[in-house]
Amino acid sequence: MQRLQQTVLPVAVTLGSARLSFRDLLQLQPGDVIPLDRGVDEDLAVSVNDRQKFWCRPGLKGRRLAVSITTVLHDE
């Protein structure tokens, strides 16, 4: 059990996605804005080992970026 508790897994939060043409991608400059498919008030997907497991809201913990889990997804 102790070895299992020390296992490290990749965790990622997806802010959203966008589709860009290759031309648009090549023309990106610092300060450009890429509109995403999610609203600022929508939950974000949390994936563990490339599988979505939670929904969350972005925030801060002290001075660090963080997320707060809002929903736990259960495997069917």
C-alpha atoms as a PDB file:
ATOM      1  CA  MET A   1       0.000   0.000   0.000  1.00  0.00           C
ATOM      2  CA  GLN A   2       2.854   2.399   0.806  1.00  0.00           C
ATOM      3  CA  ARG A   3       4.420   1.856  -2.648  1.00  0.00           C
ATOM      4  CA  LEU A   4       1.053   2.485  -4.284  1.00  0.00           C
ATOM      5  CA  GLN A   5       0.611   5.738  -2.349  1.00  0.00           C
ATOM      6  CA  GLN A   6       4.011   6.935  -3.621  1.00  0.00           C
ATOM      7  CA  THR A   7       3.167   6.280  -7.279  1.00  0.00           C
ATOM      8  CA  VAL A   8       3.426   9.382  -9.479  1.00  0.00           C
ATOM      9  CA  LEU A   9       0.824   9.869 -12.224  1.00  0.00           C
ATOM     10  CA  PRO A  10       0.590  12.641 -14.836  1.00  0.00           C
ATOM     11  CA  VAL A  11      -2.268  15.066 -14.142  1.00  0.00           C
ATOM     12  CA  ALA A  12      -3.328  17.671 -16.743  1.00  0.00           C
ATOM     13  CA  VAL A  13      -5.995  20.371 -16.838  1.00  0.00           C
ATOM     14  CA  THR A  14      -7.354  21.276 -20.274  1.00  0.00           C
ATOM     15  CA  LEU A  15      -8.251  24.956 -20.608  1.00  0.00           C
ATOM     16  CA  GLY A  16     -10.003  24.376 -23.914  1.00  0.00           C
ATOM     17  CA  SER A  17      -9.206  23.768 -27.548  1.00  0.00           C
ATOM     18  CA  ALA A  18      -9.089  25.762 -30.745  1.00  0.00           C
ATOM     19  CA  ARG A  19      -8.665  25.056 -34.438  1.00  0.00           C
ATOM     20  CA  LEU A  20      -6.123  27.137 -36.332  1.00  0.00           C
ATOM     21  CA  SER A  21      -4.976  26.935 -39.899  1.00  0.00           C
ATOM     22  CA  PHE A  22      -1.296  26.266 -40.384  1.00  0.00           C
ATOM     23  CA  ARG A  23      -0.984  29.783 -41.835  1.00  0.00           C
ATOM     24  CA  ASP A  24      -2.546  31.324 -38.707  1.00  0.00           C
ATOM     25  CA  LEU A  25      -0.282  29.224 -36.512  1.00  0.00           C
ATOM     26  CA  LEU A  26       2.833  30.467 -38.326  1.00  0.00           C
ATOM     27  CA  GLN A  27       1.695  34.086 -37.978  1.00  0.00           C
ATOM     28  CA  LEU A  28       1.142  34.020 -34.210  1.00  0.00           C
ATOM     29  CA  GLN A  29       2.945  36.786 -32.323  1.00  0.00           C
ATOM     30  CA  PRO A  30       3.404  37.526 -28.621  1.00  0.00           C
ATOM     31  CA  GLY A  31       0.214  39.131 -27.332  1.00  0.00           C
ATOM     32  CA  ASP A  32      -2.084  37.418 -29.866  1.00  0.00           C
ATOM     33  CA  VAL A  33      -5.240  35.877 -28.404  1.00  0.00           C
ATOM     34  CA  ILE A  34      -6.516  32.430 -29.408  1.00  0.00           C
ATOM     35  CA  PRO A  35     -10.244  32.022 -28.659  1.00  0.00           C
ATOM     36  CA  LEU A  36     -10.987  28.685 -26.977  1.00  0.00           C
ATOM     37  CA  ASP A  37     -14.133  26.573 -27.141  1.00  0.00           C
ATOM     38  CA  ARG A  38     -14.881  27.020 -23.416  1.00  0.00           C
ATOM     39  CA  GLY A  39     -16.387  29.971 -21.585  1.00  0.00           C
ATOM     40  CA  VAL A  40     -14.619  31.607 -18.660  1.00  0.00           C
ATOM     41  CA  ASP A  41     -17.390  30.384 -16.342  1.00  0.00           C
ATOM     42  CA  GLU A  42     -17.250  26.726 -17.449  1.00  0.00           C
ATOM     43  CA  ASP A  43     -15.567  23.897 -15.562  1.00  0.00           C
ATOM     44  CA  LEU A  44     -12.301  22.525 -16.942  1.00  0.00           C
ATOM     45  CA  ALA A  45     -11.442  18.876 -17.589  1.00  0.00           C
ATOM     46  CA  VAL A  46      -8.863  17.166 -15.349  1.00  0.00           C
ATOM     47  CA  SER A  47      -7.166  14.097 -16.810  1.00  0.00           C
ATOM     48  CA  VAL A  48      -5.129  11.525 -14.920  1.00  0.00           C
ATOM     49  CA  ASN A  49      -2.875   9.345 -17.063  1.00  0.00           C
ATOM     50  CA  ASP A  50      -4.664  10.698 -20.193  1.00  0.00           C
ATOM     51  CA  ARG A  51      -8.143   9.750 -18.925  1.00  0.00           C
ATOM     52  CA  GLN A  52     -10.633  12.393 -17.832  1.00  0.00           C
ATOM     53  CA  LYS A  53     -11.465  11.847 -14.164  1.00  0.00           C
ATOM     54  CA  PHE A  54     -12.717  15.204 -12.809  1.00  0.00           C
ATOM     55  CA  TRP A  55     -14.183  18.623 -13.591  1.00  0.00           C
ATOM     56  CA  CYS A  56     -12.636  21.612 -11.845  1.00  0.00           C
ATOM     57  CA  ARG A  57     -12.517  25.404 -11.508  1.00  0.00           C
ATOM     58  CA  PRO A  58      -9.265  27.350 -11.803  1.00  0.00           C
ATOM     59  CA  GLY A  59      -8.005  29.457  -8.919  1.00  0.00           C
ATOM     60  CA  LEU A  60      -5.068  30.268  -6.679  1.00  0.00           C
ATOM     61  CA  LYS A  61      -3.568  28.688  -3.572  1.00  0.00           C
ATOM     62  CA  GLY A  62      -1.423  31.399  -2.104  1.00  0.00           C
ATOM     63  CA  ARG A  63       0.601  32.673  -5.060  1.00  0.00           C
ATOM     64  CA  ARG A  64       0.373  29.434  -7.047  1.00  0.00           C
ATOM     65  CA  LEU A  65      -2.095  28.491  -9.761  1.00  0.00           C
ATOM     66  CA  ALA A  66      -4.410  25.716  -8.622  1.00  0.00           C
ATOM     67  CA  VAL A  67      -7.722  24.024  -9.364  1.00  0.00           C
ATOM     68  CA  SER A  68     -10.662  23.102  -7.173  1.00  0.00           C
ATOM     69  CA  ILE A  69     -12.383  19.809  -8.029  1.00  0.00           C
ATOM     70  CA  THR A  70     -16.114  20.325  -8.615  1.00  0.00           C
ATOM     71  CA  THR A  71     -17.171  16.906  -9.933  1.00  0.00           C
ATOM     72  CA  VAL A  72     -15.731  13.391  -9.713  1.00  0.00           C
ATOM     73  CA  LEU A  73     -16.401  11.264 -12.807  1.00  0.00           C
ATOM     74  CA  HIS A  74     -17.019   7.600 -12.133  1.00  0.00           C
ATOM     75  CA  ASP A  75     -16.101   4.852 -14.587  1.00  0.00           C
ATOM     76  CA  GLU A  76     -19.117   3.007 -15.878  1.00  0.00           C
END
